[in-house]
C-alpha cells in the first residue's frame, strides 16, 4: 500500500468504483467474477461448485468481465466529466 495519502485516496476511490460496478452486475455474473478473480478459483473448480462444465464457466466469466468493463468505462467517464 502506498504511503502517500493522495495515492491511498485514489486507490480507495478506484476500489469503491470497482465494487460499485460489481454490484450492478446480475448476481450470477457477480458471483463468477468474485469466485474467479477474488477467490482465485479455476474454471473447473467453479464448475464443480455450480454444476456447470469448465468451458461454460469460462464463457460466462468472459461475458461477465466484458459487462464489468462496460460498466466501469461508463462510470469512469461520468467521474471524469463531473470534475
N, C-alpha and C. Protein backbone atom coordinates (compact mmCIF):
# COMPACT_ATOMS: atom_id res chain seq x y z
N UNK A 1 0.85 -1.18 0.00
CA UNK A 1 0.00 0.00 0.00
C UNK A 1 0.89 1.23 0.00
N UNK A 2 0.54 2.17 -0.76
CA UNK A 2 1.33 3.40 -0.87
C UNK A 2 1.24 4.19 0.43
N UNK A 3 2.36 4.82 0.79
CA UNK A 3 2.39 5.66 1.98
C UNK A 3 1.85 7.05 1.72
N UNK A 4 1.84 7.46 0.48
CA UNK A 4 1.36 8.79 0.09
C UNK A 4 -0.16 8.84 0.24
N UNK A 5 -0.68 9.75 1.07
CA UNK A 5 -2.13 9.83 1.29
C UNK A 5 -2.93 10.04 0.00
N UNK A 6 -2.41 10.81 -0.94
CA UNK A 6 -3.16 11.04 -2.18
C UNK A 6 -3.23 9.77 -3.02
N UNK A 7 -2.17 8.96 -2.99
CA UNK A 7 -2.20 7.69 -3.71
C UNK A 7 -3.17 6.72 -3.03
N UNK A 8 -3.17 6.74 -1.71
CA UNK A 8 -4.09 5.87 -0.96
C UNK A 8 -5.53 6.25 -1.25
N UNK A 9 -5.81 7.56 -1.29
CA UNK A 9 -7.16 8.04 -1.59
C UNK A 9 -7.59 7.62 -2.99
N UNK A 10 -6.68 7.74 -3.95
CA UNK A 10 -7.00 7.35 -5.32
C UNK A 10 -7.29 5.85 -5.39
N UNK A 11 -6.49 5.04 -4.70
CA UNK A 11 -6.70 3.60 -4.68
C UNK A 11 -8.05 3.28 -4.05
N UNK A 12 -8.39 3.95 -2.94
CA UNK A 12 -9.68 3.74 -2.28
C UNK A 12 -10.83 4.08 -3.23
N UNK A 13 -10.71 5.17 -3.97
CA UNK A 13 -11.75 5.57 -4.92
C UNK A 13 -11.88 4.55 -6.04
N UNK A 14 -10.75 4.04 -6.53
CA UNK A 14 -10.78 3.04 -7.59
C UNK A 14 -11.42 1.74 -7.10
N UNK A 15 -11.10 1.36 -5.87
CA UNK A 15 -11.70 0.15 -5.31
C UNK A 15 -13.20 0.33 -5.13
N UNK A 16 -13.63 1.51 -4.67
CA UNK A 16 -15.05 1.78 -4.49
C UNK A 16 -15.77 1.72 -5.83
N UNK A 17 -15.15 2.28 -6.87
CA UNK A 17 -15.76 2.25 -8.21
C UNK A 17 -15.90 0.81 -8.68
N UNK A 18 -14.88 -0.01 -8.48
CA UNK A 18 -14.94 -1.41 -8.88
C UNK A 18 -16.04 -2.14 -8.12
N UNK A 19 -16.13 -1.93 -6.82
CA UNK A 19 -17.18 -2.58 -6.03
C UNK A 19 -18.57 -2.12 -6.45
N UNK A 20 -18.71 -0.83 -6.73
CA UNK A 20 -20.00 -0.31 -7.20
C UNK A 20 -20.39 -0.95 -8.53
N UNK A 21 -19.42 -1.10 -9.43
CA UNK A 21 -19.69 -1.73 -10.73
C UNK A 21 -20.05 -3.20 -10.54
N UNK A 22 -19.36 -3.89 -9.67
CA UNK A 22 -19.68 -5.30 -9.39
C UNK A 22 -21.11 -5.45 -8.89
N UNK A 23 -21.53 -4.51 -8.05
CA UNK A 23 -22.89 -4.56 -7.51
C UNK A 23 -23.96 -4.39 -8.59
N UNK A 24 -23.59 -3.78 -9.71
CA UNK A 24 -24.54 -3.57 -10.80
C UNK A 24 -24.68 -4.79 -11.71
N UNK A 25 -23.75 -5.73 -11.61
CA UNK A 25 -23.83 -6.95 -12.42
C UNK A 25 -24.96 -7.84 -11.91
N UNK A 26 -25.55 -8.63 -12.79
CA UNK A 26 -26.50 -9.65 -12.33
C UNK A 26 -25.80 -10.58 -11.33
N UNK A 27 -26.56 -11.15 -10.41
CA UNK A 27 -25.99 -11.96 -9.34
C UNK A 27 -25.07 -13.08 -9.84
N UNK A 28 -25.49 -13.78 -10.90
CA UNK A 28 -24.66 -14.87 -11.41
C UNK A 28 -23.31 -14.36 -11.89
N UNK A 29 -23.32 -13.28 -12.66
CA UNK A 29 -22.06 -12.73 -13.16
C UNK A 29 -21.18 -12.23 -12.02
N UNK A 30 -21.79 -11.54 -11.07
CA UNK A 30 -21.04 -11.04 -9.93
C UNK A 30 -20.39 -12.21 -9.18
N UNK A 31 -21.14 -13.25 -8.96
CA UNK A 31 -20.62 -14.42 -8.26
C UNK A 31 -19.45 -15.06 -8.98
N UNK A 32 -19.58 -15.19 -10.29
CA UNK A 32 -18.50 -15.79 -11.07
C UNK A 32 -17.23 -14.94 -11.03
N UNK A 33 -17.39 -13.63 -11.16
CA UNK A 33 -16.23 -12.74 -11.09
C UNK A 33 -15.56 -12.85 -9.72
N UNK A 34 -16.35 -12.84 -8.68
CA UNK A 34 -15.79 -12.93 -7.32
C UNK A 34 -15.07 -14.26 -7.11
N UNK A 35 -15.67 -15.35 -7.55
CA UNK A 35 -15.05 -16.66 -7.38
C UNK A 35 -13.73 -16.77 -8.16
N UNK A 36 -13.74 -16.29 -9.40
CA UNK A 36 -12.56 -16.47 -10.24
C UNK A 36 -11.45 -15.47 -9.91
N UNK A 37 -11.78 -14.20 -9.86
CA UNK A 37 -10.75 -13.17 -9.71
C UNK A 37 -10.40 -12.83 -8.27
N UNK A 38 -11.35 -12.96 -7.36
CA UNK A 38 -11.08 -12.58 -5.98
C UNK A 38 -10.78 -13.78 -5.09
N UNK A 39 -11.40 -14.93 -5.40
CA UNK A 39 -11.12 -16.13 -4.62
C UNK A 39 -10.07 -17.02 -5.30
N UNK A 40 -9.78 -16.75 -6.57
CA UNK A 40 -8.74 -17.48 -7.28
C UNK A 40 -9.12 -18.88 -7.72
N UNK A 41 -10.41 -19.16 -7.81
CA UNK A 41 -10.84 -20.49 -8.24
C UNK A 41 -10.67 -20.65 -9.75
N UNK A 42 -10.35 -21.85 -10.16
CA UNK A 42 -10.24 -22.15 -11.60
C UNK A 42 -11.64 -22.35 -12.17
N UNK A 43 -11.72 -22.37 -13.50
CA UNK A 43 -13.00 -22.62 -14.15
C UNK A 43 -13.55 -23.99 -13.75
N UNK A 44 -12.66 -24.97 -13.65
CA UNK A 44 -13.08 -26.31 -13.26
C UNK A 44 -13.65 -26.30 -11.84
N UNK A 45 -12.98 -25.61 -10.92
CA UNK A 45 -13.45 -25.55 -9.54
C UNK A 45 -14.80 -24.84 -9.45
N UNK A 46 -14.96 -23.77 -10.20
CA UNK A 46 -16.25 -23.06 -10.21
C UNK A 46 -17.33 -23.98 -10.79
N UNK A 47 -16.97 -24.70 -11.85
CA UNK A 47 -17.90 -25.64 -12.44
C UNK A 47 -18.36 -26.70 -11.45
N UNK A 48 -17.45 -27.19 -10.65
CA UNK A 48 -17.81 -28.18 -9.64
C UNK A 48 -18.79 -27.59 -8.61
N UNK A 49 -18.59 -26.32 -8.28
CA UNK A 49 -19.48 -25.66 -7.32
C UNK A 49 -20.86 -25.38 -7.91
N UNK A 50 -20.88 -25.04 -9.20
CA UNK A 50 -22.13 -24.60 -9.81
C UNK A 50 -22.84 -25.69 -10.62
N UNK A 51 -22.15 -26.79 -10.87
CA UNK A 51 -22.75 -27.85 -11.66
C UNK A 51 -22.63 -27.64 -13.16
N UNK A 52 -21.79 -26.70 -13.56
CA UNK A 52 -21.57 -26.42 -14.99
C UNK A 52 -20.21 -26.97 -15.39
N UNK A 53 -20.02 -27.19 -16.69
CA UNK A 53 -18.69 -27.63 -17.11
C UNK A 53 -17.75 -26.43 -17.21
N UNK A 54 -16.47 -26.71 -17.23
CA UNK A 54 -15.45 -25.66 -17.19
C UNK A 54 -15.55 -24.71 -18.38
N UNK A 55 -15.87 -25.23 -19.56
CA UNK A 55 -15.98 -24.37 -20.74
C UNK A 55 -17.14 -23.40 -20.62
N UNK A 56 -18.24 -23.84 -20.08
CA UNK A 56 -19.39 -22.97 -19.86
C UNK A 56 -19.04 -21.87 -18.88
N UNK A 57 -18.35 -22.24 -17.82
CA UNK A 57 -17.92 -21.26 -16.82
C UNK A 57 -16.99 -20.24 -17.46
N UNK A 58 -16.06 -20.72 -18.29
CA UNK A 58 -15.11 -19.82 -18.94
C UNK A 58 -15.83 -18.78 -19.79
N UNK A 59 -16.83 -19.22 -20.55
CA UNK A 59 -17.60 -18.30 -21.39
C UNK A 59 -18.36 -17.30 -20.52
N UNK A 60 -18.98 -17.79 -19.46
CA UNK A 60 -19.75 -16.90 -18.58
C UNK A 60 -18.86 -15.89 -17.86
N UNK A 61 -17.67 -16.31 -17.46
CA UNK A 61 -16.74 -15.38 -16.81
C UNK A 61 -16.29 -14.32 -17.82
N UNK A 62 -16.04 -14.75 -19.05
CA UNK A 62 -15.64 -13.80 -20.09
C UNK A 62 -16.75 -12.76 -20.31
N UNK A 63 -17.98 -13.22 -20.40
CA UNK A 63 -19.11 -12.30 -20.59
C UNK A 63 -19.27 -11.36 -19.40
N UNK A 64 -19.06 -11.88 -18.21
CA UNK A 64 -19.16 -11.06 -17.01
C UNK A 64 -18.06 -10.00 -17.00
N UNK A 65 -16.86 -10.39 -17.41
CA UNK A 65 -15.74 -9.44 -17.46
C UNK A 65 -16.01 -8.34 -18.48
N UNK A 66 -16.60 -8.71 -19.63
CA UNK A 66 -16.96 -7.71 -20.65
C UNK A 66 -18.01 -6.76 -20.10
N UNK A 67 -19.02 -7.29 -19.42
CA UNK A 67 -20.07 -6.45 -18.83
C UNK A 67 -19.49 -5.52 -17.77
N UNK A 68 -18.56 -6.03 -16.97
CA UNK A 68 -17.93 -5.22 -15.94
C UNK A 68 -17.10 -4.11 -16.56
N UNK A 69 -16.38 -4.43 -17.62
CA UNK A 69 -15.58 -3.43 -18.32
C UNK A 69 -16.47 -2.31 -18.86
N UNK A 70 -17.61 -2.69 -19.43
CA UNK A 70 -18.54 -1.70 -19.98
C UNK A 70 -19.07 -0.79 -18.86
N UNK A 71 -19.43 -1.38 -17.74
CA UNK A 71 -19.91 -0.60 -16.61
C UNK A 71 -18.84 0.35 -16.09
N UNK A 72 -17.62 -0.17 -15.93
CA UNK A 72 -16.53 0.65 -15.41
C UNK A 72 -16.19 1.79 -16.36
N UNK A 73 -16.21 1.51 -17.65
CA UNK A 73 -15.93 2.56 -18.63
C UNK A 73 -16.93 3.69 -18.49
N UNK A 74 -18.21 3.36 -18.38
CA UNK A 74 -19.24 4.37 -18.21
C UNK A 74 -19.10 5.13 -16.90
N UNK A 75 -18.80 4.42 -15.83
CA UNK A 75 -18.67 5.06 -14.53
C UNK A 75 -17.46 6.00 -14.50
N UNK A 76 -16.36 5.55 -15.05
CA UNK A 76 -15.16 6.40 -15.05
C UNK A 76 -15.35 7.62 -15.94
N UNK A 77 -16.06 7.44 -17.05
CA UNK A 77 -16.34 8.57 -17.93
C UNK A 77 -17.19 9.61 -17.19
N UNK A 78 -18.18 9.15 -16.45
CA UNK A 78 -19.02 10.07 -15.66
C UNK A 78 -18.19 10.79 -14.61
N UNK A 79 -17.26 10.08 -13.97
CA UNK A 79 -16.42 10.71 -12.96
C UNK A 79 -15.54 11.80 -13.56
N UNK A 80 -14.98 11.52 -14.72
CA UNK A 80 -14.10 12.49 -15.39
C UNK A 80 -14.91 13.70 -15.82
N UNK A 81 -16.09 13.48 -16.37
CA UNK A 81 -16.93 14.59 -16.83
C UNK A 81 -17.43 15.41 -15.65
N UNK A 82 -17.53 14.80 -14.49
CA UNK A 82 -18.02 15.51 -13.31
C UNK A 82 -16.96 16.37 -12.64
N UNK A 83 -15.75 16.26 -13.09
CA UNK A 83 -14.65 17.05 -12.48
C UNK A 83 -14.72 18.47 -12.90
